[in-house]
Amino acid sequence: MSKLYIARSPKLAARSLDGEMMIMSGADSTLYTLNKTATIIWQAADGKTSLQEIVEHRIVPEFEVEAGAALQDAEALARELAGHGILQVSEEPIPQPNSAAGEAR
């Protein structure tokens, strides 16, 4: 498995609600609700931190899961979210614009 980097799509509006992220696509106004795991991954998706690091430092301690299985699940989830335009996935770091990628708090 190659090292993956993930970044939030810049064309989204997002808000945290009870530990989950509500994300609205700027392309078609579709509303997505991310569960706790997906929320952790999405919040950590800065384009410069690898998915492996996110899993090791954020997912494994939070859910007390085995790192290898968690990484496989996280990669599948990241690719699914990328398919919806929520994340960008690359084998190299992803440069980010200076804005907060549409995140509202």
Protein backbone atom coordinates (compact mmCIF):
# COMPACT_ATOMS: atom_id res chain seq x y z
CA MET A 1 0.00 0.00 0.00
CA SER A 2 1.49 3.35 -1.01
CA LYS A 3 1.53 6.36 1.28
CA LEU A 4 -1.54 8.54 0.73
CA TYR A 5 -2.14 12.18 1.53
CA ILE A 6 -5.59 13.64 1.90
CA ALA A 7 -6.94 17.17 1.84
CA ARG A 8 -10.37 18.67 2.24
CA SER A 9 -11.99 19.80 -0.97
CA PRO A 10 -11.99 23.61 -1.16
CA LYS A 11 -15.56 23.76 -2.51
CA LEU A 12 -17.42 22.73 0.63
CA ALA A 13 -19.24 24.30 3.53
CA ALA A 14 -18.89 22.39 6.79
CA ARG A 15 -20.05 22.61 10.37
CA SER A 16 -19.46 20.39 13.38
CA LEU A 17 -22.60 19.22 15.14
CA ASP A 18 -22.45 16.89 18.15
CA GLY A 19 -19.04 15.48 17.14
CA GLU A 20 -20.03 14.82 13.53
CA MET A 21 -19.41 16.96 10.47
CA MET A 22 -22.21 18.20 8.29
CA ILE A 23 -20.77 18.96 4.84
CA MET A 24 -22.52 20.60 1.93
CA SER A 25 -21.13 20.22 -1.56
CA GLY A 26 -20.66 23.50 -3.41
CA ALA A 27 -21.07 21.68 -6.71
CA ASP A 28 -24.58 20.30 -6.25
CA SER A 29 -25.69 21.30 -2.70
CA THR A 30 -25.72 17.67 -1.53
CA LEU A 31 -25.55 17.39 2.26
CA TYR A 32 -23.32 14.72 3.83
CA THR A 33 -23.08 13.70 7.48
CA LEU A 34 -19.76 12.15 8.51
CA ASN A 35 -19.61 9.70 11.40
CA LYS A 36 -17.01 10.11 14.15
CA THR A 37 -14.27 8.22 12.30
CA ALA A 38 -14.83 10.09 9.04
CA THR A 39 -14.98 13.37 10.97
CA ILE A 40 -11.58 12.73 12.56
CA ILE A 41 -10.09 11.91 9.16
CA TRP A 42 -11.72 14.92 7.49
CA GLN A 43 -10.58 17.34 10.21
CA ALA A 44 -6.99 16.04 9.99
CA ALA A 45 -6.93 16.17 6.17
CA ASP A 46 -4.45 19.02 5.72
CA GLY A 47 -2.75 17.73 2.58
CA LYS A 48 0.65 17.43 4.27
CA THR A 49 -0.03 14.74 6.87
CA SER A 50 -0.18 11.20 5.49
CA LEU A 51 -3.26 9.09 6.05
CA GLN A 52 -1.03 6.58 7.83
CA GLU A 53 0.01 9.25 10.36
CA ILE A 54 -3.61 10.30 10.86
CA VAL A 55 -4.60 6.70 11.55
CA GLU A 56 -1.66 6.05 13.89
CA HIS A 57 -2.00 9.28 15.89
CA ARG A 58 -5.76 9.93 15.83
CA ILE A 59 -7.78 6.81 14.90
CA VAL A 60 -5.87 4.02 16.71
CA PRO A 61 -5.78 5.80 20.10
CA GLU A 62 -9.40 6.97 19.83
CA PHE A 63 -10.91 3.59 18.93
CA GLU A 64 -8.22 1.19 20.24
CA VAL A 65 -8.03 -0.71 16.95
CA GLU A 66 -5.21 -2.50 15.16
CA ALA A 67 -3.24 -0.05 12.98
CA GLY A 68 -3.06 -2.18 9.81
CA ALA A 69 -6.78 -2.90 9.64
CA ALA A 70 -7.60 0.71 10.58
CA LEU A 71 -5.37 2.00 7.77
CA GLN A 72 -7.08 -0.25 5.21
CA ASP A 73 -10.50 0.94 6.38
CA ALA A 74 -9.36 4.58 6.40
CA GLU A 75 -8.00 4.31 2.86
CA ALA A 76 -11.30 2.86 1.62
CA LEU A 77 -13.20 5.62 3.42
CA ALA A 78 -10.91 8.36 2.04
CA ARG A 79 -11.37 7.06 -1.50
CA GLU A 80 -15.15 6.93 -1.00
CA LEU A 81 -15.19 10.51 0.28
CA ALA A 82 -13.00 11.55 -2.65
CA GLY A 83 -15.57 9.98 -4.96
CA HIS A 84 -18.15 12.36 -3.49
CA GLY A 85 -15.82 15.35 -3.85
CA ILE A 86 -15.35 15.73 -0.08
CA LEU A 87 -11.64 14.83 0.01
CA GLN A 88 -8.73 14.97 -2.38
CA VAL A 89 -6.44 11.91 -2.36
CA SER A 90 -2.86 11.83 -3.67
CA GLU A 91 0.33 9.83 -3.31
CA GLU A 92 2.18 13.13 -2.75
CA PRO A 93 1.48 16.02 -0.35
CA ILE A 94 -1.34 18.27 -1.58
CA PRO A 95 -0.72 22.03 -1.48
CA GLN A 96 -3.57 23.92 0.19
CA PRO A 97 -4.80 27.47 -0.38
CA ASN A 98 -4.43 29.89 2.54
CA SER A 99 -8.14 29.70 3.46
CA ALA A 100 -9.62 27.27 5.98
CA ALA A 101 -11.12 25.16 3.16
CA GLY A 102 -14.66 26.33 3.79
CA GLU A 103 -14.85 25.07 7.36
CA ALA A 104 -17.20 26.93 9.66
CA ARG A 105 -17.10 26.38 13.39
